[in-house]
Amino acid sequence: MERAPRLRKTGGHAVDLFRPAMDITERMGVLPRVEAAKTATTRLTIVREGRNAPVCVDLTKVLGAASDRHVEIMRDDLSEIYYDATTADVEYVFDDSITSIEDDLVTFERNAPRRFDIVVGADGLHSNVRRLVFGANVQEAFIGAYLAVLTAPKGRVLDGEMRSHVGAGRMAGRYGARHLDDERVVFLFRSARQLVRDYALAS
């Protein structure tokens, strides 16, 4: 079930597939497509506050120590590949949303109610499914940090590089992918308290 009228292509962040996901991807028969769409980021350049010389890290060695199989791929690319591989066996419903869940009965904004054995909510941080099942007063656990990712014009980083500026409790980074016409900018910072923000603007 997807609220958007079609498969989303909104940019997205890079995701890492390690051995378990790689094995499943291979069994699905789509490993060649996944490997063809990988970001090909192989090095991390870190510029530290107060230091003139950057630190260069070989990501192939770091990730190789974590898993003997790994691919970094943009989320949009991965969802499209998995979607194409499953359309013959899975019913996808677009342009609709769940409005209520009562035992096994699920009602929707547009389609007729249906019964399901299992409902899995994978609809983000401010999950509609979680709210319907557990109530509107479910509290988010603040972990003391914020992350934001946005899209920016290409050309600020070299091919195969992620460049990060790091300070105490904060980081700003930028990376691309060999087949993309744009880049991603990442901001990560710690905060002792939750910030007041407008979810409508953020979404």
N, C-alpha and C. Protein backbone atom coordinates (compact mmCIF):
# COMPACT_ATOMS: atom_id res chain seq x y z
N MET A 1 0.85 -1.18 0.00
CA MET A 1 0.00 0.00 0.00
C MET A 1 0.89 1.23 0.00
N GLU A 2 0.66 2.12 -0.96
CA GLU A 2 1.49 3.31 -1.10
C GLU A 2 0.60 4.52 -1.35
N ARG A 3 0.80 5.57 -0.55
CA ARG A 3 0.00 6.77 -0.70
C ARG A 3 0.27 7.49 -2.02
N ALA A 4 1.50 7.45 -2.49
CA ALA A 4 1.85 8.12 -3.74
C ALA A 4 1.15 7.44 -4.91
N PRO A 5 0.89 8.16 -6.00
CA PRO A 5 0.20 7.57 -7.14
C PRO A 5 1.05 6.59 -7.94
N ARG A 6 2.33 6.57 -7.67
CA ARG A 6 3.24 5.66 -8.38
C ARG A 6 4.46 5.42 -7.51
N LEU A 7 5.35 4.56 -7.98
CA LEU A 7 6.57 4.29 -7.23
C LEU A 7 7.34 5.59 -7.03
N ARG A 8 7.73 5.85 -5.80
CA ARG A 8 8.38 7.12 -5.50
C ARG A 8 9.79 7.17 -6.08
N LYS A 9 10.13 8.32 -6.65
CA LYS A 9 11.49 8.61 -7.09
C LYS A 9 11.81 10.01 -6.58
N THR A 10 12.12 10.08 -5.30
CA THR A 10 12.28 11.38 -4.65
C THR A 10 13.71 11.67 -4.22
N GLY A 11 14.65 10.93 -4.72
CA GLY A 11 16.03 11.14 -4.32
C GLY A 11 16.48 10.04 -3.38
N GLY A 12 16.26 10.25 -2.09
CA GLY A 12 16.62 9.22 -1.13
C GLY A 12 18.10 9.22 -0.79
N HIS A 13 18.41 8.53 0.27
CA HIS A 13 19.76 8.41 0.80
C HIS A 13 20.35 7.08 0.34
N ALA A 14 21.64 6.95 0.41
CA ALA A 14 22.28 5.68 0.08
C ALA A 14 22.06 4.68 1.21
N VAL A 15 21.90 3.42 0.86
CA VAL A 15 21.77 2.35 1.85
C VAL A 15 22.85 1.30 1.55
N ASP A 16 23.26 0.62 2.61
CA ASP A 16 24.30 -0.40 2.48
C ASP A 16 23.68 -1.78 2.58
N LEU A 17 24.00 -2.63 1.63
CA LEU A 17 23.59 -4.03 1.65
C LEU A 17 24.82 -4.87 2.02
N PHE A 18 24.70 -5.62 3.11
CA PHE A 18 25.77 -6.51 3.51
C PHE A 18 25.36 -7.96 3.21
N ARG A 19 26.14 -8.92 3.66
CA ARG A 19 25.97 -10.30 3.20
C ARG A 19 24.54 -10.82 3.26
N PRO A 20 23.80 -10.71 4.35
CA PRO A 20 22.44 -11.28 4.34
C PRO A 20 21.58 -10.70 3.21
N ALA A 21 21.59 -9.38 3.07
CA ALA A 21 20.79 -8.75 2.01
C ALA A 21 21.34 -9.07 0.63
N MET A 22 22.65 -9.19 0.51
CA MET A 22 23.25 -9.53 -0.77
C MET A 22 22.86 -10.95 -1.18
N ASP A 23 22.85 -11.87 -0.22
CA ASP A 23 22.46 -13.25 -0.52
C ASP A 23 21.01 -13.32 -0.98
N ILE A 24 20.13 -12.59 -0.29
CA ILE A 24 18.72 -12.56 -0.69
C ILE A 24 18.56 -11.94 -2.07
N THR A 25 19.28 -10.86 -2.32
CA THR A 25 19.22 -10.19 -3.62
C THR A 25 19.67 -11.12 -4.74
N GLU A 26 20.69 -11.91 -4.46
CA GLU A 26 21.18 -12.86 -5.46
C GLU A 26 20.13 -13.94 -5.72
N ARG A 27 19.49 -14.44 -4.68
CA ARG A 27 18.46 -15.46 -4.84
C ARG A 27 17.25 -14.91 -5.60
N MET A 28 17.01 -13.62 -5.48
CA MET A 28 15.91 -12.99 -6.23
C MET A 28 16.25 -12.83 -7.71
N GLY A 29 17.53 -13.00 -8.06
CA GLY A 29 17.94 -12.88 -9.45
C GLY A 29 18.20 -11.46 -9.91
N VAL A 30 18.34 -10.52 -8.97
CA VAL A 30 18.52 -9.11 -9.36
C VAL A 30 19.88 -8.56 -8.94
N LEU A 31 20.79 -9.42 -8.51
CA LEU A 31 22.10 -8.95 -8.08
C LEU A 31 22.83 -8.17 -9.18
N PRO A 32 22.81 -8.61 -10.44
CA PRO A 32 23.48 -7.81 -11.47
C PRO A 32 22.94 -6.39 -11.58
N ARG A 33 21.63 -6.21 -11.45
CA ARG A 33 21.05 -4.86 -11.51
C ARG A 33 21.49 -4.02 -10.31
N VAL A 34 21.53 -4.64 -9.13
CA VAL A 34 21.96 -3.93 -7.93
C VAL A 34 23.41 -3.49 -8.05
N GLU A 35 24.25 -4.41 -8.50
CA GLU A 35 25.67 -4.07 -8.64
C GLU A 35 25.89 -3.01 -9.71
N ALA A 36 25.07 -3.02 -10.76
CA ALA A 36 25.20 -2.01 -11.81
C ALA A 36 24.79 -0.63 -11.33
N ALA A 37 23.93 -0.56 -10.30
CA ALA A 37 23.43 0.72 -9.80
C ALA A 37 24.16 1.19 -8.55
N LYS A 38 25.23 0.51 -8.15
CA LYS A 38 25.92 0.89 -6.92
C LYS A 38 26.53 2.29 -7.04
N THR A 39 26.70 2.95 -5.90
CA THR A 39 27.22 4.32 -5.91
C THR A 39 28.69 4.36 -6.29
N ALA A 40 29.42 3.29 -6.05
CA ALA A 40 30.86 3.21 -6.35
C ALA A 40 31.67 4.19 -5.50
N THR A 41 31.18 4.49 -4.29
CA THR A 41 31.93 5.33 -3.36
C THR A 41 32.98 4.46 -2.68
N THR A 42 34.25 4.80 -2.89
CA THR A 42 35.34 3.96 -2.39
C THR A 42 36.24 4.67 -1.39
N ARG A 43 36.08 5.98 -1.23
CA ARG A 43 36.96 6.70 -0.30
C ARG A 43 36.18 7.78 0.45
N LEU A 44 36.61 8.01 1.67
CA LEU A 44 36.03 9.02 2.55
C LEU A 44 37.11 10.02 2.90
N THR A 45 36.87 11.27 2.59
CA THR A 45 37.79 12.35 2.94
C THR A 45 37.19 13.13 4.10
N ILE A 46 37.92 13.21 5.21
CA ILE A 46 37.44 13.86 6.42
C ILE A 46 38.26 15.11 6.68
N VAL A 47 37.58 16.25 6.75
CA VAL A 47 38.21 17.52 7.11
C VAL A 47 37.78 17.83 8.54
N ARG A 48 38.75 17.90 9.45
CA ARG A 48 38.44 18.12 10.86
C ARG A 48 38.61 19.59 11.23
N GLU A 49 37.72 20.08 12.08
CA GLU A 49 37.82 21.46 12.53
C GLU A 49 39.16 21.70 13.22
N GLY A 50 39.83 22.78 12.85
CA GLY A 50 41.10 23.12 13.47
C GLY A 50 42.29 22.40 12.88
N ARG A 51 42.08 21.56 11.87
CA ARG A 51 43.18 20.83 11.23
C ARG A 51 43.22 21.20 9.76
N ASN A 52 44.40 21.40 9.25
CA ASN A 52 44.53 21.79 7.85
C ASN A 52 44.54 20.60 6.91
N ALA A 53 45.17 19.52 7.33
CA ALA A 53 45.32 18.36 6.44
C ALA A 53 44.13 17.42 6.59
N PRO A 54 43.46 17.07 5.49
CA PRO A 54 42.35 16.11 5.57
C PRO A 54 42.85 14.69 5.81
N VAL A 55 41.96 13.84 6.30
CA VAL A 55 42.24 12.43 6.49
C VAL A 55 41.50 11.65 5.40
N CYS A 56 42.20 10.78 4.70
CA CYS A 56 41.59 9.99 3.63
C CYS A 56 41.48 8.53 4.08
N VAL A 57 40.28 7.98 3.93
CA VAL A 57 40.00 6.62 4.38
C VAL A 57 39.60 5.78 3.17
N ASP A 58 40.19 4.60 3.05
CA ASP A 58 39.82 3.65 2.01
C ASP A 58 38.59 2.87 2.48
N LEU A 59 37.42 3.21 1.95
CA LEU A 59 36.18 2.58 2.41
C LEU A 59 36.10 1.11 2.04
N THR A 60 36.78 0.72 0.98
CA THR A 60 36.74 -0.70 0.60
C THR A 60 37.35 -1.57 1.69
N LYS A 61 38.39 -1.07 2.36
CA LYS A 61 39.01 -1.83 3.44
C LYS A 61 38.13 -1.82 4.69
N VAL A 62 37.53 -0.66 5.00
CA VAL A 62 36.68 -0.56 6.18
C VAL A 62 35.47 -1.47 6.04
N LEU A 63 34.80 -1.38 4.91
CA LEU A 63 33.59 -2.19 4.70
C LEU A 63 33.94 -3.66 4.50
N GLY A 64 35.09 -3.93 3.90
CA GLY A 64 35.53 -5.30 3.74
C GLY A 64 35.79 -5.99 5.06
N ALA A 65 36.18 -5.22 6.07
CA ALA A 65 36.38 -5.79 7.40
C ALA A 65 35.05 -6.11 8.08
N ALA A 66 33.99 -5.41 7.66
CA ALA A 66 32.67 -5.63 8.25
C ALA A 66 31.92 -6.78 7.59
N SER A 67 32.13 -6.96 6.28
CA SER A 67 31.41 -8.00 5.55
C SER A 67 32.18 -8.34 4.28
N ASP A 68 32.12 -9.62 3.90
CA ASP A 68 32.79 -10.02 2.67
C ASP A 68 31.94 -9.76 1.43
N ARG A 69 30.68 -9.32 1.63
CA ARG A 69 29.83 -8.92 0.51
C ARG A 69 29.18 -7.59 0.87
N HIS A 70 29.26 -6.64 -0.03
CA HIS A 70 28.72 -5.32 0.26
C HIS A 70 28.48 -4.54 -1.02
N VAL A 71 27.36 -3.80 -1.05
CA VAL A 71 27.08 -2.84 -2.11
C VAL A 71 26.37 -1.65 -1.46
N GLU A 72 26.80 -0.46 -1.83
CA GLU A 72 26.06 0.75 -1.45
C GLU A 72 25.26 1.20 -2.66
N ILE A 73 23.96 1.46 -2.45
CA ILE A 73 23.06 1.78 -3.54
C ILE A 73 22.06 2.83 -3.06
N MET A 74 21.60 3.69 -3.96
CA MET A 74 20.61 4.68 -3.59
C MET A 74 19.28 3.98 -3.30
N ARG A 75 18.57 4.46 -2.29
CA ARG A 75 17.33 3.81 -1.86
C ARG A 75 16.31 3.73 -3.00
N ASP A 76 16.19 4.81 -3.78
CA ASP A 76 15.24 4.80 -4.89
C ASP A 76 15.56 3.71 -5.90
N ASP A 77 16.84 3.56 -6.20
CA ASP A 77 17.25 2.52 -7.16
C ASP A 77 16.92 1.13 -6.63
N LEU A 78 17.20 0.92 -5.35
CA LEU A 78 16.95 -0.40 -4.77
C LEU A 78 15.45 -0.72 -4.75
N SER A 79 14.62 0.24 -4.37
CA SER A 79 13.18 -0.02 -4.33
C SER A 79 12.64 -0.31 -5.72
N GLU A 80 13.15 0.38 -6.73
CA GLU A 80 12.70 0.14 -8.10
C GLU A 80 13.08 -1.27 -8.56
N ILE A 81 14.29 -1.69 -8.23
CA ILE A 81 14.75 -3.03 -8.63
C ILE A 81 13.92 -4.11 -7.95
N TYR A 82 13.69 -3.97 -6.65
CA TYR A 82 12.88 -4.95 -5.93
C TYR A 82 11.43 -4.93 -6.40
N TYR A 83 10.93 -3.76 -6.71
CA TYR A 83 9.55 -3.64 -7.20
C TYR A 83 9.40 -4.39 -8.53
N ASP A 84 10.32 -4.15 -9.46
CA ASP A 84 10.26 -4.82 -10.76
C ASP A 84 10.33 -6.33 -10.61
N ALA A 85 11.10 -6.79 -9.61
CA ALA A 85 11.30 -8.23 -9.44
C ALA A 85 10.10 -8.92 -8.80
N THR A 86 9.19 -8.16 -8.20
CA THR A 86 8.11 -8.78 -7.42
C THR A 86 6.71 -8.49 -7.96
N THR A 87 6.57 -7.68 -9.00
CA THR A 87 5.24 -7.29 -9.47
C THR A 87 4.41 -8.48 -9.96
N ALA A 88 5.06 -9.55 -10.41
CA ALA A 88 4.32 -10.71 -10.90
C ALA A 88 3.71 -11.51 -9.74
N ASP A 89 4.24 -11.35 -8.53
CA ASP A 89 3.79 -12.17 -7.40
C ASP A 89 3.15 -11.35 -6.27
N VAL A 90 3.32 -10.03 -6.32
CA VAL A 90 2.83 -9.16 -5.24
C VAL A 90 1.85 -8.15 -5.81
N GLU A 91 0.75 -7.94 -5.11
CA GLU A 91 -0.21 -6.90 -5.50
C GLU A 91 0.20 -5.59 -4.85
N TYR A 92 0.50 -4.59 -5.67
CA TYR A 92 0.83 -3.25 -5.19
C TYR A 92 -0.37 -2.34 -5.41
N VAL A 93 -0.75 -1.60 -4.39
CA VAL A 93 -1.87 -0.66 -4.48
C VAL A 93 -1.31 0.74 -4.25
N PHE A 94 -1.45 1.61 -5.26
CA PHE A 94 -0.95 2.97 -5.16
C PHE A 94 -2.11 3.94 -4.95
N ASP A 95 -1.77 5.15 -4.57
CA ASP A 95 -2.74 6.24 -4.44
C ASP A 95 -3.81 5.91 -3.41
N ASP A 96 -3.41 5.34 -2.28
CA ASP A 96 -4.36 5.03 -1.22
C ASP A 96 -3.61 4.97 0.11
N SER A 97 -4.38 4.97 1.20
CA SER A 97 -3.79 4.93 2.53
C SER A 97 -4.75 4.25 3.49
N ILE A 98 -4.19 3.66 4.54
CA ILE A 98 -5.00 2.98 5.56
C ILE A 98 -5.64 4.02 6.48
N THR A 99 -6.92 3.83 6.78
CA THR A 99 -7.62 4.75 7.69
C THR A 99 -7.96 4.10 9.03
N SER A 100 -8.07 2.77 9.07
CA SER A 100 -8.32 2.10 10.35
C SER A 100 -7.89 0.65 10.27
N ILE A 101 -7.52 0.10 11.43
CA ILE A 101 -7.15 -1.31 11.56
C ILE A 101 -7.87 -1.85 12.79
N GLU A 102 -8.79 -2.76 12.58
CA GLU A 102 -9.54 -3.39 13.67
C GLU A 102 -9.41 -4.90 13.53
N ASP A 103 -8.61 -5.48 14.43
CA ASP A 103 -8.30 -6.92 14.33
C ASP A 103 -7.71 -7.19 12.94
N ASP A 104 -8.41 -7.99 12.11
CA ASP A 104 -7.86 -8.29 10.78
C ASP A 104 -8.51 -7.47 9.68
N LEU A 105 -9.41 -6.54 10.05
CA LEU A 105 -10.11 -5.72 9.05
C LEU A 105 -9.39 -4.38 8.88
N VAL A 106 -9.03 -4.09 7.63
CA VAL A 106 -8.32 -2.85 7.31
C VAL A 106 -9.18 -2.04 6.35
N THR A 107 -9.39 -0.76 6.68
CA THR A 107 -10.14 0.12 5.79
C THR A 107 -9.20 1.15 5.18
N PHE A 108 -9.58 1.65 4.00
CA PHE A 108 -8.73 2.54 3.23
C PHE A 108 -9.47 3.80 2.83
N GLU A 109 -8.71 4.80 2.39
CA GLU A 109 -9.32 6.04 1.93
C GLU A 109 -10.12 5.84 0.66
N ARG A 110 -9.64 5.01 -0.25
CA ARG A 110 -10.25 4.88 -1.57
C ARG A 110 -10.83 3.50 -1.84
N ASN A 111 -10.10 2.47 -1.48
CA ASN A 111 -10.51 1.10 -1.82
C ASN A 111 -11.44 0.53 -0.76
N ALA A 112 -12.09 -0.57 -1.12
CA ALA A 112 -13.00 -1.25 -0.20
C ALA A 112 -12.21 -1.91 0.93
N PRO A 113 -12.81 -2.08 2.11
CA PRO A 113 -12.13 -2.74 3.23
C PRO A 113 -11.71 -4.17 2.86
N ARG A 114 -10.63 -4.65 3.47
CA ARG A 114 -10.14 -5.99 3.22
C ARG A 114 -9.61 -6.57 4.53
N ARG A 115 -9.51 -7.91 4.56
CA ARG A 115 -8.98 -8.59 5.74
C ARG A 115 -7.59 -9.15 5.44
N PHE A 116 -6.71 -9.06 6.44
CA PHE A 116 -5.33 -9.50 6.28
C PHE A 116 -4.89 -10.28 7.51
N ASP A 117 -4.00 -11.25 7.31
CA ASP A 117 -3.43 -11.99 8.43
C ASP A 117 -2.38 -11.15 9.16
N ILE A 118 -1.59 -10.37 8.39
CA ILE A 118 -0.52 -9.56 8.96
C ILE A 118 -0.52 -8.20 8.29
N VAL A 119 -0.37 -7.15 9.07
CA VAL A 119 -0.18 -5.79 8.54
C VAL A 119 1.17 -5.30 9.05
N VAL A 120 2.04 -4.94 8.13
CA VAL A 120 3.37 -4.42 8.47
C VAL A 120 3.41 -2.94 8.14
N GLY A 121 3.69 -2.11 9.12
CA GLY A 121 3.80 -0.67 8.89
C GLY A 121 5.24 -0.29 8.62
N ALA A 122 5.52 0.15 7.41
CA ALA A 122 6.87 0.60 7.05
C ALA A 122 6.77 1.99 6.43
N ASP A 123 6.00 2.84 7.12
CA ASP A 123 5.67 4.14 6.54
C ASP A 123 6.35 5.30 7.28
N GLY A 124 7.57 5.07 7.72
CA GLY A 124 8.40 6.17 8.18
C GLY A 124 8.31 6.47 9.67
N LEU A 125 9.06 7.49 10.04
CA LEU A 125 9.20 7.87 11.45
C LEU A 125 7.87 8.23 12.08
N HIS A 126 7.06 9.02 11.38
CA HIS A 126 5.75 9.43 11.89
C HIS A 126 4.68 8.53 11.26
N SER A 127 4.75 7.27 11.62
CA SER A 127 3.98 6.22 10.97
C SER A 127 2.48 6.34 11.22
N ASN A 128 1.72 6.36 10.14
CA ASN A 128 0.27 6.32 10.24
C ASN A 128 -0.20 4.99 10.79
N VAL A 129 0.40 3.89 10.36
CA VAL A 129 0.03 2.56 10.83
C VAL A 129 0.27 2.44 12.34
N ARG A 130 1.41 2.90 12.81
CA ARG A 130 1.70 2.84 14.24
C ARG A 130 0.68 3.65 15.04
N ARG A 131 0.32 4.82 14.53
CA ARG A 131 -0.67 5.65 15.22
C ARG A 131 -2.02 4.95 15.29
N LEU A 132 -2.43 4.30 14.19
CA LEU A 132 -3.72 3.61 14.17
C LEU A 132 -3.75 2.42 15.12
N VAL A 133 -2.64 1.72 15.26
CA VAL A 133 -2.60 0.52 16.10
C VAL A 133 -2.39 0.87 17.57
N PHE A 134 -1.49 1.82 17.86
CA PHE A 134 -1.11 2.09 19.24
C PHE A 134 -1.67 3.39 19.80
N GLY A 135 -2.33 4.19 18.96
CA GLY A 135 -2.90 5.43 19.45
C GLY A 135 -2.04 6.63 19.11
N ALA A 136 -2.65 7.82 19.24
CA ALA A 136 -1.98 9.06 18.84
C ALA A 136 -0.95 9.52 19.85
N ASN A 137 -0.94 8.95 21.05
CA ASN A 137 -0.05 9.44 22.10
C ASN A 137 1.26 8.66 22.21
N VAL A 138 1.57 7.84 21.22
CA VAL A 138 2.83 7.11 21.23
C VAL A 138 3.98 8.11 21.15
N GLN A 139 4.89 8.02 22.09
CA GLN A 139 6.00 8.96 22.17
C GLN A 139 7.21 8.46 21.38
N GLU A 140 7.82 9.35 20.63
CA GLU A 140 9.08 9.01 19.97
C GLU A 140 10.21 9.07 21.00
N ALA A 141 11.18 8.19 20.86
CA ALA A 141 12.34 8.18 21.75
C ALA A 141 13.40 9.11 21.17
N PHE A 142 13.64 10.21 21.83
CA PHE A 142 14.66 11.15 21.37
C PHE A 142 16.04 10.60 21.71
N ILE A 143 16.90 10.47 20.71
CA ILE A 143 18.22 9.87 20.91
C ILE A 143 19.33 10.91 21.02
N GLY A 144 18.93 12.19 21.03
CA GLY A 144 19.93 13.24 21.22
C GLY A 144 20.66 13.65 19.97
N ALA A 145 20.09 13.34 18.81
CA ALA A 145 20.77 13.69 17.56
C ALA A 145 19.75 13.88 16.46
N TYR A 146 20.16 14.63 15.44
CA TYR A 146 19.32 14.88 14.27
C TYR A 146 20.12 14.58 13.00
N LEU A 147 19.40 14.07 12.00
CA LEU A 147 20.00 13.77 10.70
C LEU A 147 19.10 14.36 9.61
N ALA A 148 19.71 15.01 8.64
CA ALA A 148 18.97 15.54 7.51
C ALA A 148 19.75 15.27 6.23
N VAL A 149 19.03 14.91 5.17
CA VAL A 149 19.64 14.64 3.87
C VAL A 149 18.90 15.45 2.82
N LEU A 150 19.63 16.13 1.95
CA LEU A 150 19.00 16.89 0.88
C LEU A 150 19.76 16.70 -0.42
N THR A 151 19.12 17.10 -1.51
CA THR A 151 19.70 16.96 -2.84
C THR A 151 20.33 18.29 -3.26
N ALA A 152 21.47 18.22 -3.91
CA ALA A 152 22.18 19.41 -4.35
C ALA A 152 22.78 19.17 -5.74
N PRO A 153 23.13 20.24 -6.46
CA PRO A 153 23.74 20.06 -7.79
C PRO A 153 25.04 19.28 -7.73
N LYS A 154 25.33 18.59 -8.81
CA LYS A 154 26.52 17.75 -8.87
C LYS A 154 27.76 18.59 -9.18
N GLY A 155 28.92 18.10 -8.72
CA GLY A 155 30.17 18.73 -9.10
C GLY A 155 31.04 19.19 -7.95
N ARG A 156 30.60 19.01 -6.71
CA ARG A 156 31.37 19.48 -5.56
C ARG A 156 32.31 18.42 -5.00
N VAL A 157 32.06 17.16 -5.30
CA VAL A 157 32.94 16.09 -4.84
C VAL A 157 33.40 15.28 -6.05
N LEU A 158 34.53 14.62 -5.88
CA LEU A 158 35.07 13.79 -6.94
C LEU A 158 34.29 12.50 -7.04
N ASP A 159 34.31 11.88 -8.21
CA ASP A 159 33.66 10.59 -8.39
C ASP A 159 34.24 9.58 -7.39
N GLY A 160 33.36 8.83 -6.77
CA GLY A 160 33.79 7.80 -5.84
C GLY A 160 34.18 8.30 -4.46
N GLU A 161 33.89 9.58 -4.17
CA GLU A 161 34.31 10.17 -2.90
C GLU A 161 33.12 10.65 -2.08
N MET A 162 33.20 10.46 -0.78
CA MET A 162 32.35 11.17 0.17
C MET A 162 33.25 12.09 0.96
N ARG A 163 32.87 13.36 1.04
CA ARG A 163 33.69 14.36 1.73
C ARG A 163 32.92 14.87 2.95
N SER A 164 33.57 14.79 4.11
CA SER A 164 32.90 15.16 5.36
C SER A 164 33.70 16.21 6.11
N HIS A 165 32.99 17.17 6.69
CA HIS A 165 33.57 18.16 7.59
C HIS A 165 33.06 17.83 8.99
N VAL A 166 33.98 17.58 9.92
CA VAL A 166 33.63 17.03 11.22
C VAL A 166 34.08 17.97 12.32
N GLY A 167 33.17 18.24 13.26
CA GLY A 167 33.48 18.99 14.47
C GLY A 167 32.90 18.28 15.66
N ALA A 168 33.07 18.86 16.83
CA ALA A 168 32.56 18.25 18.04
C ALA A 168 31.03 18.22 18.01
N GLY A 169 30.44 17.03 17.92
CA GLY A 169 29.00 16.89 17.95
C GLY A 169 28.29 17.23 16.66
N ARG A 170 29.03 17.38 15.58
CA ARG A 170 28.38 17.73 14.31
C ARG A 170 29.21 17.28 13.12
N MET A 171 28.51 17.05 12.02
CA MET A 171 29.15 16.62 10.78
C MET A 171 28.32 17.07 9.60
N ALA A 172 28.99 17.51 8.55
CA ALA A 172 28.34 17.80 7.27
C ALA A 172 29.10 17.05 6.20
N GLY A 173 28.39 16.33 5.35
CA GLY A 173 29.04 15.53 4.32
C GLY A 173 28.35 15.67 2.98
N ARG A 174 29.05 15.26 1.95
CA ARG A 174 28.50 15.34 0.60
C ARG A 174 29.03 14.16 -0.20
N TYR A 175 28.15 13.54 -0.98
CA TYR A 175 28.55 12.41 -1.81
C TYR A 175 27.64 12.33 -3.02
N GLY A 176 28.06 11.58 -4.00
CA GLY A 176 27.25 11.36 -5.19
C GLY A 176 27.26 9.90 -5.58
N ALA A 177 26.81 9.63 -6.76
CA ALA A 177 26.86 8.29 -7.33
C ALA A 177 27.18 8.45 -8.80
N ARG A 178 27.86 7.50 -9.37
CA ARG A 178 28.38 7.65 -10.72
C ARG A 178 27.29 7.85 -11.76
N HIS A 179 26.08 7.38 -11.49
CA HIS A 179 25.02 7.46 -12.50
C HIS A 179 24.01 8.56 -12.20
N LEU A 180 24.21 9.33 -11.11
CA LEU A 180 23.25 10.38 -10.76
C LEU A 180 23.66 11.73 -11.33
N ASP A 181 22.66 12.56 -11.58
CA ASP A 181 22.90 13.92 -12.05
C ASP A 181 22.96 14.92 -10.92
N ASP A 182 22.86 14.46 -9.68
CA ASP A 182 22.93 15.34 -8.52
C ASP A 182 23.71 14.66 -7.41
N GLU A 183 23.81 15.33 -6.28
CA GLU A 183 24.54 14.79 -5.13
C GLU A 183 23.66 14.87 -3.89
N ARG A 184 24.09 14.19 -2.82
CA ARG A 184 23.38 14.26 -1.55
C ARG A 184 24.25 15.00 -0.53
N VAL A 185 23.61 15.84 0.25
CA VAL A 185 24.27 16.55 1.34
C VAL A 185 23.67 16.03 2.65
N VAL A 186 24.53 15.67 3.59
CA VAL A 186 24.11 15.06 4.84
C VAL A 186 24.53 15.95 6.01
N PHE A 187 23.60 16.23 6.90
CA PHE A 187 23.89 16.97 8.12
C PHE A 187 23.53 16.09 9.32
N LEU A 188 24.46 15.98 10.26
CA LEU A 188 24.24 15.20 11.48
C LEU A 188 24.77 16.00 12.65
N PHE A 189 23.94 16.22 13.66
CA PHE A 189 24.41 16.96 14.83
C PHE A 189 23.71 16.47 16.09
N ARG A 190 24.40 16.64 17.22
CA ARG A 190 23.85 16.28 18.50
C ARG A 190 23.12 17.47 19.11
N SER A 191 22.14 17.17 19.95
CA SER A 191 21.39 18.22 20.63
C SER A 191 20.99 17.70 22.00
N ALA A 192 21.14 18.53 23.01
CA ALA A 192 20.79 18.12 24.36
C ALA A 192 19.27 18.09 24.56
N ARG A 193 18.53 18.77 23.70
CA ARG A 193 17.08 18.81 23.84
C ARG A 193 16.44 18.67 22.46
N GLN A 194 15.18 18.28 22.46
CA GLN A 194 14.45 18.20 21.21
C GLN A 194 14.14 19.58 20.68
N LEU A 195 14.27 19.74 19.38
CA LEU A 195 14.02 21.02 18.74
C LEU A 195 12.57 21.09 18.27
N VAL A 196 12.02 22.28 18.30
CA VAL A 196 10.68 22.49 17.77
C VAL A 196 10.80 22.65 16.26
N ARG A 197 10.06 21.82 15.51
CA ARG A 197 10.16 21.87 14.05
C ARG A 197 8.78 21.62 13.45
N ASP A 198 8.63 22.07 12.23
CA ASP A 198 7.34 21.95 11.53
C ASP A 198 7.38 20.71 10.67
N TYR A 199 6.64 19.64 11.07
CA TYR A 199 6.66 18.39 10.31
C TYR A 199 6.09 18.59 8.91
N ALA A 200 5.13 19.49 8.76
CA ALA A 200 4.52 19.71 7.45
C ALA A 200 5.56 20.25 6.48
N LEU A 201 6.41 21.18 6.95
CA LEU A 201 7.46 21.72 6.09
C LEU A 201 8.54 20.67 5.86
N ALA A 202 8.84 19.88 6.88
CA ALA A 202 9.91 18.88 6.77
C ALA A 202 9.55 17.78 5.79
N SER A 203 8.27 17.46 5.68
CA SER A 203 7.88 16.37 4.81
C SER A 203 7.71 16.83 3.38
